[in-house]
Amino acid sequence: SGGTPLLFIAVPEGKSVKNRIHLDLQPV
């Protein structure tokens, strides 16, 4: 498909600030 896998990794700290990168979704 040419798509890129999404990988989720456990880290001890929580999210505290705005993402510097994000996904833009377009409904199909």
mmCIF file of all heavy atoms, coordinates in Angstrom:
data_MODEL
# 
_entry.id   MODEL 
# 
loop_
_atom_site.group_PDB 
_atom_site.id 
_atom_site.type_symbol 
_atom_site.label_atom_id 
_atom_site.label_alt_id 
_atom_site.label_comp_id 
_atom_site.label_asym_id 
_atom_site.label_entity_id 
_atom_site.label_seq_id 
_atom_site.pdbx_PDB_ins_code 
_atom_site.Cartn_x 
_atom_site.Cartn_y 
_atom_site.Cartn_z 
_atom_site.occupancy 
_atom_site.B_iso_or_equiv 
_atom_site.pdbx_formal_charge 
_atom_site.auth_seq_id 
_atom_site.auth_comp_id 
_atom_site.auth_asym_id 
_atom_site.auth_atom_id 
_atom_site.pdbx_PDB_model_num 
ATOM 1   N N   . SER A 1 1  ? 0.821   -1.215 0.000  1.00 0.00 ? 1  SER A N   1 
ATOM 2   C CA  . SER A 1 1  ? 0.000   0.000  0.000  1.00 0.00 ? 1  SER A CA  1 
ATOM 3   C C   . SER A 1 1  ? 0.853   1.263  0.000  1.00 0.00 ? 1  SER A C   1 
ATOM 4   O O   . SER A 1 1  ? 0.352   2.347  -0.274 1.00 0.00 ? 1  SER A O   1 
ATOM 5   C CB  . SER A 1 1  ? -0.907  0.026  1.237  1.00 0.00 ? 1  SER A CB  1 
ATOM 6   O OG  . SER A 1 1  ? -0.128  0.247  2.414  1.00 0.00 ? 1  SER A OG  1 
ATOM 7   N N   . GLY A 1 2  ? 2.133   1.100  0.360  1.00 0.00 ? 2  GLY A N   1 
ATOM 8   C CA  . GLY A 1 2  ? 2.986   2.273  0.497  1.00 0.00 ? 2  GLY A CA  1 
ATOM 9   C C   . GLY A 1 2  ? 2.820   2.959  1.824  1.00 0.00 ? 2  GLY A C   1 
ATOM 10  O O   . GLY A 1 2  ? 3.474   3.961  2.094  1.00 0.00 ? 2  GLY A O   1 
ATOM 11  N N   . GLY A 1 3  ? 1.940   2.444  2.680  1.00 0.00 ? 3  GLY A N   1 
ATOM 12  C CA  . GLY A 1 3  ? 1.729   3.027  4.007  1.00 0.00 ? 3  GLY A CA  1 
ATOM 13  C C   . GLY A 1 3  ? 2.905   2.762  4.926  1.00 0.00 ? 3  GLY A C   1 
ATOM 14  O O   . GLY A 1 3  ? 3.706   1.846  4.705  1.00 0.00 ? 3  GLY A O   1 
ATOM 15  N N   . THR A 1 4  ? 2.999   3.566  5.969  1.00 0.00 ? 4  THR A N   1 
ATOM 16  C CA  . THR A 1 4  ? 4.080   3.454  6.949  1.00 0.00 ? 4  THR A CA  1 
ATOM 17  C C   . THR A 1 4  ? 3.532   2.892  8.251  1.00 0.00 ? 4  THR A C   1 
ATOM 18  O O   . THR A 1 4  ? 2.518   3.400  8.764  1.00 0.00 ? 4  THR A O   1 
ATOM 19  C CB  . THR A 1 4  ? 4.708   4.843  7.194  1.00 0.00 ? 4  THR A CB  1 
ATOM 20  O OG1 . THR A 1 4  ? 5.207   5.339  5.954  1.00 0.00 ? 4  THR A OG1 1 
ATOM 21  C CG2 . THR A 1 4  ? 5.836   4.767  8.198  1.00 0.00 ? 4  THR A CG2 1 
ATOM 22  N N   . PRO A 1 5  ? 4.151   1.857  8.821  1.00 0.00 ? 5  PRO A N   1 
ATOM 23  C CA  . PRO A 1 5  ? 3.676   1.317  10.093 1.00 0.00 ? 5  PRO A CA  1 
ATOM 24  C C   . PRO A 1 5  ? 3.670   2.371  11.203 1.00 0.00 ? 5  PRO A C   1 
ATOM 25  O O   . PRO A 1 5  ? 4.486   3.302  11.213 1.00 0.00 ? 5  PRO A O   1 
ATOM 26  C CB  . PRO A 1 5  ? 4.696   0.213  10.420 1.00 0.00 ? 5  PRO A CB  1 
ATOM 27  C CG  . PRO A 1 5  ? 5.294   -0.149 9.108  1.00 0.00 ? 5  PRO A CG  1 
ATOM 28  C CD  . PRO A 1 5  ? 5.322   1.133  8.315  1.00 0.00 ? 5  PRO A CD  1 
ATOM 29  N N   . LEU A 1 6  ? 2.740   2.207  12.131 1.00 0.00 ? 6  LEU A N   1 
ATOM 30  C CA  . LEU A 1 6  ? 2.676   3.032  13.334 1.00 0.00 ? 6  LEU A CA  1 
ATOM 31  C C   . LEU A 1 6  ? 3.148   2.176  14.497 1.00 0.00 ? 6  LEU A C   1 
ATOM 32  O O   . LEU A 1 6  ? 2.581   1.122  14.774 1.00 0.00 ? 6  LEU A O   1 
ATOM 33  C CB  . LEU A 1 6  ? 1.243   3.515  13.582 1.00 0.00 ? 6  LEU A CB  1 
ATOM 34  C CG  . LEU A 1 6  ? 0.583   4.270  12.428 1.00 0.00 ? 6  LEU A CG  1 
ATOM 35  C CD1 . LEU A 1 6  ? -0.853  4.636  12.789 1.00 0.00 ? 6  LEU A CD1 1 
ATOM 36  C CD2 . LEU A 1 6  ? 1.386   5.504  12.056 1.00 0.00 ? 6  LEU A CD2 1 
ATOM 37  N N   . LEU A 1 7  ? 4.217   2.617  15.157 1.00 0.00 ? 7  LEU A N   1 
ATOM 38  C CA  . LEU A 1 7  ? 4.840   1.866  16.240 1.00 0.00 ? 7  LEU A CA  1 
ATOM 39  C C   . LEU A 1 7  ? 4.582   2.582  17.554 1.00 0.00 ? 7  LEU A C   1 
ATOM 40  O O   . LEU A 1 7  ? 4.754   3.802  17.648 1.00 0.00 ? 7  LEU A O   1 
ATOM 41  C CB  . LEU A 1 7  ? 6.351   1.756  15.983 1.00 0.00 ? 7  LEU A CB  1 
ATOM 42  C CG  . LEU A 1 7  ? 7.194   1.031  17.012 1.00 0.00 ? 7  LEU A CG  1 
ATOM 43  C CD1 . LEU A 1 7  ? 6.755   -0.428 17.162 1.00 0.00 ? 7  LEU A CD1 1 
ATOM 44  C CD2 . LEU A 1 7  ? 8.660   1.115  16.622 1.00 0.00 ? 7  LEU A CD2 1 
ATOM 45  N N   . PHE A 1 8  ? 4.182   1.851  18.576 1.00 0.00 ? 8  PHE A N   1 
ATOM 46  C CA  . PHE A 1 8  ? 3.849   2.401  19.886 1.00 0.00 ? 8  PHE A CA  1 
ATOM 47  C C   . PHE A 1 8  ? 4.785   1.787  20.925 1.00 0.00 ? 8  PHE A C   1 
ATOM 48  O O   . PHE A 1 8  ? 4.869   0.565  21.037 1.00 0.00 ? 8  PHE A O   1 
ATOM 49  C CB  . PHE A 1 8  ? 2.382   2.118  20.219 1.00 0.00 ? 8  PHE A CB  1 
ATOM 50  C CG  . PHE A 1 8  ? 1.462   2.707  19.185 1.00 0.00 ? 8  PHE A CG  1 
ATOM 51  C CD1 . PHE A 1 8  ? 1.154   2.009  18.025 1.00 0.00 ? 8  PHE A CD1 1 
ATOM 52  C CD2 . PHE A 1 8  ? 0.964   3.985  19.340 1.00 0.00 ? 8  PHE A CD2 1 
ATOM 53  C CE1 . PHE A 1 8  ? 0.350   2.573  17.039 1.00 0.00 ? 8  PHE A CE1 1 
ATOM 54  C CE2 . PHE A 1 8  ? 0.164   4.559  18.370 1.00 0.00 ? 8  PHE A CE2 1 
ATOM 55  C CZ  . PHE A 1 8  ? -0.143  3.850  17.223 1.00 0.00 ? 8  PHE A CZ  1 
ATOM 56  N N   . ILE A 1 9  ? 5.517   2.645  21.636 1.00 0.00 ? 9  ILE A N   1 
ATOM 57  C CA  . ILE A 1 9  ? 6.548   2.218  22.579 1.00 0.00 ? 9  ILE A CA  1 
ATOM 58  C C   . ILE A 1 9  ? 6.214   2.756  23.973 1.00 0.00 ? 9  ILE A C   1 
ATOM 59  O O   . ILE A 1 9  ? 5.940   3.958  24.132 1.00 0.00 ? 9  ILE A O   1 
ATOM 60  C CB  . ILE A 1 9  ? 7.938   2.764  22.162 1.00 0.00 ? 9  ILE A CB  1 
ATOM 61  C CG1 . ILE A 1 9  ? 8.291   2.328  20.739 1.00 0.00 ? 9  ILE A CG1 1 
ATOM 62  C CG2 . ILE A 1 9  ? 9.008   2.384  23.154 1.00 0.00 ? 9  ILE A CG2 1 
ATOM 63  C CD1 . ILE A 1 9  ? 8.631   0.882  20.587 1.00 0.00 ? 9  ILE A CD1 1 
ATOM 64  N N   . ALA A 1 10 ? 6.292   1.904  24.979 1.00 0.00 ? 10 ALA A N   1 
ATOM 65  C CA  . ALA A 1 10 ? 6.034   2.328  26.354 1.00 0.00 ? 10 ALA A CA  1 
ATOM 66  C C   . ALA A 1 10 ? 7.170   3.194  26.878 1.00 0.00 ? 10 ALA A C   1 
ATOM 67  O O   . ALA A 1 10 ? 8.348   2.857  26.696 1.00 0.00 ? 10 ALA A O   1 
ATOM 68  C CB  . ALA A 1 10 ? 5.854   1.109  27.261 1.00 0.00 ? 10 ALA A CB  1 
ATOM 69  N N   . VAL A 1 11 ? 6.807   4.308  27.491 1.00 0.00 ? 11 VAL A N   1 
ATOM 70  C CA  . VAL A 1 11 ? 7.778   5.182  28.164 1.00 0.00 ? 11 VAL A CA  1 
ATOM 71  C C   . VAL A 1 11 ? 7.205   5.520  29.541 1.00 0.00 ? 11 VAL A C   1 
ATOM 72  O O   . VAL A 1 11 ? 5.995   5.520  29.736 1.00 0.00 ? 11 VAL A O   1 
ATOM 73  C CB  . VAL A 1 11 ? 8.070   6.470  27.358 1.00 0.00 ? 11 VAL A CB  1 
ATOM 74  C CG1 . VAL A 1 11 ? 8.711   6.131  26.021 1.00 0.00 ? 11 VAL A CG1 1 
ATOM 75  C CG2 . VAL A 1 11 ? 6.824   7.303  27.158 1.00 0.00 ? 11 VAL A CG2 1 
ATOM 76  N N   . PRO A 1 12 ? 8.068   5.821  30.505 1.00 0.00 ? 12 PRO A N   1 
ATOM 77  C CA  . PRO A 1 12 ? 7.576   6.067  31.868 1.00 0.00 ? 12 PRO A CA  1 
ATOM 78  C C   . PRO A 1 12 ? 6.891   7.428  32.047 1.00 0.00 ? 12 PRO A C   1 
ATOM 79  O O   . PRO A 1 12 ? 5.998   7.564  32.878 1.00 0.00 ? 12 PRO A O   1 
ATOM 80  C CB  . PRO A 1 12 ? 8.830   5.973  32.733 1.00 0.00 ? 12 PRO A CB  1 
ATOM 81  C CG  . PRO A 1 12 ? 9.957   6.259  31.802 1.00 0.00 ? 12 PRO A CG  1 
ATOM 82  C CD  . PRO A 1 12 ? 9.521   5.763  30.451 1.00 0.00 ? 12 PRO A CD  1 
ATOM 83  N N   . GLU A 1 13 ? 7.325   8.428  31.285 1.00 0.00 ? 13 GLU A N   1 
ATOM 84  C CA  . GLU A 1 13 ? 6.762   9.763  31.486 1.00 0.00 ? 13 GLU A CA  1 
ATOM 85  C C   . GLU A 1 13 ? 5.512   9.974  30.629 1.00 0.00 ? 13 GLU A C   1 
ATOM 86  O O   . GLU A 1 13 ? 5.370   9.388  29.560 1.00 0.00 ? 13 GLU A O   1 
ATOM 87  C CB  . GLU A 1 13 ? 7.801   10.846 31.177 1.00 0.00 ? 13 GLU A CB  1 
ATOM 88  C CG  . GLU A 1 13 ? 8.216   10.939 29.726 1.00 0.00 ? 13 GLU A CG  1 
ATOM 89  C CD  . GLU A 1 13 ? 9.283   9.944  29.297 1.00 0.00 ? 13 GLU A CD  1 
ATOM 90  O OE1 . GLU A 1 13 ? 9.823   9.194  30.135 1.00 0.00 ? 13 GLU A OE1 1 
ATOM 91  O OE2 . GLU A 1 13 ? 9.573   9.900  28.090 1.00 0.00 ? 13 GLU A OE2 1 
ATOM 92  N N   . GLY A 1 14 ? 4.608   10.829 31.101 1.00 0.00 ? 14 GLY A N   1 
ATOM 93  C CA  . GLY A 1 14 ? 3.414   11.171 30.344 1.00 0.00 ? 14 GLY A CA  1 
ATOM 94  C C   . GLY A 1 14 ? 3.690   12.300 29.369 1.00 0.00 ? 14 GLY A C   1 
ATOM 95  O O   . GLY A 1 14 ? 4.726   12.960 29.428 1.00 0.00 ? 14 GLY A O   1 
ATOM 96  N N   . LYS A 1 15 ? 2.755   12.530 28.477 1.00 0.00 ? 15 LYS A N   1 
ATOM 97  C CA  . LYS A 1 15 ? 2.862   13.628 27.519 1.00 0.00 ? 15 LYS A CA  1 
ATOM 98  C C   . LYS A 1 15 ? 2.649   14.940 28.265 1.00 0.00 ? 15 LYS A C   1 
ATOM 99  O O   . LYS A 1 15 ? 1.737   15.067 29.063 1.00 0.00 ? 15 LYS A O   1 
ATOM 100 C CB  . LYS A 1 15 ? 1.805   13.464 26.430 1.00 0.00 ? 15 LYS A CB  1 
ATOM 101 C CG  . LYS A 1 15 ? 1.881   14.517 25.356 1.00 0.00 ? 15 LYS A CG  1 
ATOM 102 C CD  . LYS A 1 15 ? 0.867   14.217 24.269 1.00 0.00 ? 15 LYS A CD  1 
ATOM 103 C CE  . LYS A 1 15 ? 0.872   15.290 23.231 1.00 0.00 ? 15 LYS A CE  1 
ATOM 104 N NZ  . LYS A 1 15 ? 0.539   16.613 23.718 1.00 0.00 ? 15 LYS A NZ  1 
ATOM 105 N N   . SER A 1 16 ? 3.500   15.937 27.990 1.00 0.00 ? 16 SER A N   1 
ATOM 106 C CA  . SER A 1 16 ? 3.385   17.188 28.741 1.00 0.00 ? 16 SER A CA  1 
ATOM 107 C C   . SER A 1 16 ? 3.277   18.435 27.867 1.00 0.00 ? 16 SER A C   1 
ATOM 108 O O   . SER A 1 16 ? 2.889   19.479 28.360 1.00 0.00 ? 16 SER A O   1 
ATOM 109 C CB  . SER A 1 16 ? 4.567   17.342 29.704 1.00 0.00 ? 16 SER A CB  1 
ATOM 110 O OG  . SER A 1 16 ? 5.773   17.368 28.979 1.00 0.00 ? 16 SER A OG  1 
ATOM 111 N N   . VAL A 1 17 ? 3.630   18.361 26.594 1.00 0.00 ? 17 VAL A N   1 
ATOM 112 C CA  . VAL A 1 17 ? 3.556   19.530 25.719 1.00 0.00 ? 17 VAL A CA  1 
ATOM 113 C C   . VAL A 1 17 ? 2.971   19.121 24.371 1.00 0.00 ? 17 VAL A C   1 
ATOM 114 O O   . VAL A 1 17 ? 2.827   17.936 24.074 1.00 0.00 ? 17 VAL A O   1 
ATOM 115 C CB  . VAL A 1 17 ? 4.941   20.186 25.499 1.00 0.00 ? 17 VAL A CB  1 
ATOM 116 C CG1 . VAL A 1 17 ? 5.513   20.700 26.803 1.00 0.00 ? 17 VAL A CG1 1 
ATOM 117 C CG2 . VAL A 1 17 ? 5.907   19.224 24.846 1.00 0.00 ? 17 VAL A CG2 1 
ATOM 118 N N   . LYS A 1 18 ? 2.680   20.105 23.544 1.00 0.00 ? 18 LYS A N   1 
ATOM 119 C CA  . LYS A 1 18 ? 2.137   19.866 22.216 1.00 0.00 ? 18 LYS A CA  1 
ATOM 120 C C   . LYS A 1 18 ? 3.135   19.074 21.378 1.00 0.00 ? 18 LYS A C   1 
ATOM 121 O O   . LYS A 1 18 ? 4.336   19.290 21.456 1.00 0.00 ? 18 LYS A O   1 
ATOM 122 C CB  . LYS A 1 18 ? 1.845   21.216 21.543 1.00 0.00 ? 18 LYS A CB  1 
ATOM 123 C CG  . LYS A 1 18 ? 1.200   21.099 20.190 1.00 0.00 ? 18 LYS A CG  1 
ATOM 124 C CD  . LYS A 1 18 ? 0.967   22.482 19.594 1.00 0.00 ? 18 LYS A CD  1 
ATOM 125 C CE  . LYS A 1 18 ? 0.272   22.442 18.268 1.00 0.00 ? 18 LYS A CE  1 
ATOM 126 N NZ  . LYS A 1 18 ? 0.859   21.593 17.257 1.00 0.00 ? 18 LYS A NZ  1 
ATOM 127 N N   . ASN A 1 19 ? 2.602   18.167 20.550 1.00 0.00 ? 19 ASN A N   1 
ATOM 128 C CA  . ASN A 1 19 ? 3.447   17.418 19.619 1.00 0.00 ? 19 ASN A CA  1 
ATOM 129 C C   . ASN A 1 19 ? 4.163   18.378 18.677 1.00 0.00 ? 19 ASN A C   1 
ATOM 130 O O   . ASN A 1 19 ? 3.605   19.385 18.270 1.00 0.00 ? 19 ASN A O   1 
ATOM 131 C CB  . ASN A 1 19 ? 2.601   16.501 18.729 1.00 0.00 ? 19 ASN A CB  1 
ATOM 132 C CG  . ASN A 1 19 ? 1.882   15.413 19.471 1.00 0.00 ? 19 ASN A CG  1 
ATOM 133 O OD1 . ASN A 1 19 ? 1.842   15.371 20.681 1.00 0.00 ? 19 ASN A OD1 1 
ATOM 134 N ND2 . ASN A 1 19 ? 1.284   14.524 18.712 1.00 0.00 ? 19 ASN A ND2 1 
ATOM 135 N N   . ARG A 1 20 ? 5.375   18.061 18.309 1.00 0.00 ? 20 ARG A N   1 
ATOM 136 C CA  . ARG A 1 20 ? 6.091   18.826 17.290 1.00 0.00 ? 20 ARG A CA  1 
ATOM 137 C C   . ARG A 1 20 ? 5.812   18.251 15.904 1.00 0.00 ? 20 ARG A C   1 
ATOM 138 O O   . ARG A 1 20 ? 6.165   18.844 14.896 1.00 0.00 ? 20 ARG A O   1 
ATOM 139 C CB  . ARG A 1 20 ? 7.595   18.801 17.577 1.00 0.00 ? 20 ARG A CB  1 
ATOM 140 C CG  . ARG A 1 20 ? 7.998   19.459 18.882 1.00 0.00 ? 20 ARG A CG  1 
ATOM 141 C CD  . ARG A 1 20 ? 7.732   20.960 18.866 1.00 0.00 ? 20 ARG A CD  1 
ATOM 142 N NE  . ARG A 1 20 ? 8.402   21.647 17.796 1.00 0.00 ? 20 ARG A NE  1 
ATOM 143 C CZ  . ARG A 1 20 ? 9.417   22.480 17.938 1.00 0.00 ? 20 ARG A CZ  1 
ATOM 144 N NH1 . ARG A 1 20 ? 9.875   22.759 19.133 1.00 0.00 ? 20 ARG A NH1 1 
ATOM 145 N NH2 . ARG A 1 20 ? 9.963   23.066 16.890 1.00 0.00 ? 20 ARG A NH2 1 
ATOM 146 N N   . ILE A 1 21 ? 5.228   17.083 15.856 1.00 0.00 ? 21 ILE A N   1 
ATOM 147 C CA  . ILE A 1 21 ? 4.835   16.449 14.601 1.00 0.00 ? 21 ILE A CA  1 
ATOM 148 C C   . ILE A 1 21 ? 3.506   15.757 14.874 1.00 0.00 ? 21 ILE A C   1 
ATOM 149 O O   . ILE A 1 21 ? 3.253   15.306 15.997 1.00 0.00 ? 21 ILE A O   1 
ATOM 150 C CB  . ILE A 1 21 ? 5.913   15.448 14.127 1.00 0.00 ? 21 ILE A CB  1 
ATOM 151 C CG1 . ILE A 1 21 ? 5.598   14.910 12.743 1.00 0.00 ? 21 ILE A CG1 1 
ATOM 152 C CG2 . ILE A 1 21 ? 6.098   14.327 15.121 1.00 0.00 ? 21 ILE A CG2 1 
ATOM 153 C CD1 . ILE A 1 21 ? 6.733   14.090 12.130 1.00 0.00 ? 21 ILE A CD1 1 
ATOM 154 N N   . HIS A 1 22 ? 2.634   15.734 13.884 1.00 0.00 ? 22 HIS A N   1 
ATOM 155 C CA  . HIS A 1 22 ? 1.362   15.038 14.066 1.00 0.00 ? 22 HIS A CA  1 
ATOM 156 C C   . HIS A 1 22 ? 0.881   14.471 12.742 1.00 0.00 ? 22 HIS A C   1 
ATOM 157 O O   . HIS A 1 22 ? 1.403   14.826 11.686 1.00 0.00 ? 22 HIS A O   1 
ATOM 158 C CB  . HIS A 1 22 ? 0.304   15.960 14.695 1.00 0.00 ? 22 HIS A CB  1 
ATOM 159 C CG  . HIS A 1 22 ? -0.134  17.078 13.805 1.00 0.00 ? 22 HIS A CG  1 
ATOM 160 N ND1 . HIS A 1 22 ? 0.424   18.330 13.856 1.00 0.00 ? 22 HIS A ND1 1 
ATOM 161 C CD2 . HIS A 1 22 ? -1.068  17.128 12.825 1.00 0.00 ? 22 HIS A CD2 1 
ATOM 162 C CE1 . HIS A 1 22 ? -0.154  19.110 12.950 1.00 0.00 ? 22 HIS A CE1 1 
ATOM 163 N NE2 . HIS A 1 22 ? -1.059  18.405 12.312 1.00 0.00 ? 22 HIS A NE2 1 
ATOM 164 N N   . LEU A 1 23 ? -0.118  13.605 12.808 1.00 0.00 ? 23 LEU A N   1 
ATOM 165 C CA  . LEU A 1 23 ? -0.693  13.008 11.611 1.00 0.00 ? 23 LEU A CA  1 
ATOM 166 C C   . LEU A 1 23 ? -1.881  13.845 11.143 1.00 0.00 ? 23 LEU A C   1 
ATOM 167 O O   . LEU A 1 23 ? -2.661  14.330 11.953 1.00 0.00 ? 23 LEU A O   1 
ATOM 168 C CB  . LEU A 1 23 ? -1.165  11.583 11.904 1.00 0.00 ? 23 LEU A CB  1 
ATOM 169 C CG  . LEU A 1 23 ? -0.116  10.605 12.441 1.00 0.00 ? 23 LEU A CG  1 
ATOM 170 C CD1 . LEU A 1 23 ? -0.750  9.248  12.715 1.00 0.00 ? 23 LEU A CD1 1 
ATOM 171 C CD2 . LEU A 1 23 ? 1.048   10.472 11.489 1.00 0.00 ? 23 LEU A CD2 1 
ATOM 172 N N   . ASP A 1 24 ? -2.029  14.001 9.828  1.00 0.00 ? 24 ASP A N   1 
ATOM 173 C CA  . ASP A 1 24 ? -3.211  14.597 9.223  1.00 0.00 ? 24 ASP A CA  1 
ATOM 174 C C   . ASP A 1 24 ? -3.967  13.472 8.536  1.00 0.00 ? 24 ASP A C   1 
ATOM 175 O O   . ASP A 1 24 ? -3.413  12.793 7.664  1.00 0.00 ? 24 ASP A O   1 
ATOM 176 C CB  . ASP A 1 24 ? -2.835  15.652 8.183  1.00 0.00 ? 24 ASP A CB  1 
ATOM 177 C CG  . ASP A 1 24 ? -2.323  16.945 8.806  1.00 0.00 ? 24 ASP A CG  1 
ATOM 178 O OD1 . ASP A 1 24 ? -2.527  17.149 10.021 1.00 0.00 ? 24 ASP A OD1 1 
ATOM 179 O OD2 . ASP A 1 24 ? -1.733  17.743 8.079  1.00 0.00 ? 24 ASP A OD2 1 
ATOM 180 N N   . LEU A 1 25 ? -5.214  13.270 8.938  1.00 0.00 ? 25 LEU A N   1 
ATOM 181 C CA  . LEU A 1 25 ? -6.028  12.198 8.379  1.00 0.00 ? 25 LEU A CA  1 
ATOM 182 C C   . LEU A 1 25 ? -6.983  12.752 7.332  1.00 0.00 ? 25 LEU A C   1 
ATOM 183 O O   . LEU A 1 25 ? -7.539  13.834 7.505  1.00 0.00 ? 25 LEU A O   1 
ATOM 184 C CB  . LEU A 1 25 ? -6.853  11.521 9.482  1.00 0.00 ? 25 LEU A CB  1 
ATOM 185 C CG  . LEU A 1 25 ? -6.083  10.968 10.675 1.00 0.00 ? 25 LEU A CG  1 
ATOM 186 C CD1 . LEU A 1 25 ? -7.050  10.350 11.670 1.00 0.00 ? 25 LEU A CD1 1 
ATOM 187 C CD2 . LEU A 1 25 ? -5.040  9.961  10.231 1.00 0.00 ? 25 LEU A CD2 1 
ATOM 188 N N   . GLN A 1 26 ? -7.190  11.990 6.269  1.00 0.00 ? 26 GLN A N   1 
ATOM 189 C CA  . GLN A 1 26 ? -8.174  12.329 5.241  1.00 0.00 ? 26 GLN A CA  1 
ATOM 190 C C   . GLN A 1 26 ? -9.101  11.130 5.095  1.00 0.00 ? 26 GLN A C   1 
ATOM 191 O O   . GLN A 1 26 ? -8.655  10.037 4.706  1.00 0.00 ? 26 GLN A O   1 
ATOM 192 C CB  . GLN A 1 26 ? -7.494  12.643 3.912  1.00 0.00 ? 26 GLN A CB  1 
ATOM 193 C CG  . GLN A 1 26 ? -8.474  13.103 2.855  1.00 0.00 ? 26 GLN A CG  1 
ATOM 194 C CD  . GLN A 1 26 ? -7.772  13.410 1.547  1.00 0.00 ? 26 GLN A CD  1 
ATOM 195 O OE1 . GLN A 1 26 ? -7.055  12.579 1.015  1.00 0.00 ? 26 GLN A OE1 1 
ATOM 196 N NE2 . GLN A 1 26 ? -8.002  14.598 1.037  1.00 0.00 ? 26 GLN A NE2 1 
ATOM 197 N N   . PRO A 1 27 ? -10.374 11.287 5.437  1.00 0.00 ? 27 PRO A N   1 
ATOM 198 C CA  . PRO A 1 27 ? -11.305 10.163 5.314  1.00 0.00 ? 27 PRO A CA  1 
ATOM 199 C C   . PRO A 1 27 ? -11.358 9.640  3.881  1.00 0.00 ? 27 PRO A C   1 
ATOM 200 O O   . PRO A 1 27 ? -11.291 10.416 2.926  1.00 0.00 ? 27 PRO A O   1 
ATOM 201 C CB  . PRO A 1 27 ? -12.655 10.754 5.717  1.00 0.00 ? 27 PRO A CB  1 
ATOM 202 C CG  . PRO A 1 27 ? -12.352 12.043 6.404  1.00 0.00 ? 27 PRO A CG  1 
ATOM 203 C CD  . PRO A 1 27 ? -11.031 12.509 5.897  1.00 0.00 ? 27 PRO A CD  1 
ATOM 204 N N   . VAL A 1 28 ? -11.512 8.337  3.740  1.00 0.00 ? 28 VAL A N   1 
ATOM 205 C CA  . VAL A 1 28 ? -11.555 7.705  2.423  1.00 0.00 ? 28 VAL A CA  1 
ATOM 206 C C   . VAL A 1 28 ? -13.000 7.547  1.951  1.00 0.00 ? 28 VAL A C   1 
ATOM 207 O O   . VAL A 1 28 ? -13.322 7.873  0.815  1.00 0.00 ? 28 VAL A O   1 
ATOM 208 C CB  . VAL A 1 28 ? -10.853 6.324  2.455  1.00 0.00 ? 28 VAL A CB  1 
ATOM 209 C CG1 . VAL A 1 28 ? -11.020 5.583  1.152  1.00 0.00 ? 28 VAL A CG1 1 
ATOM 210 C CG2 . VAL A 1 28 ? -9.385  6.500  2.815  1.00 0.00 ? 28 VAL A CG2 1 
# 
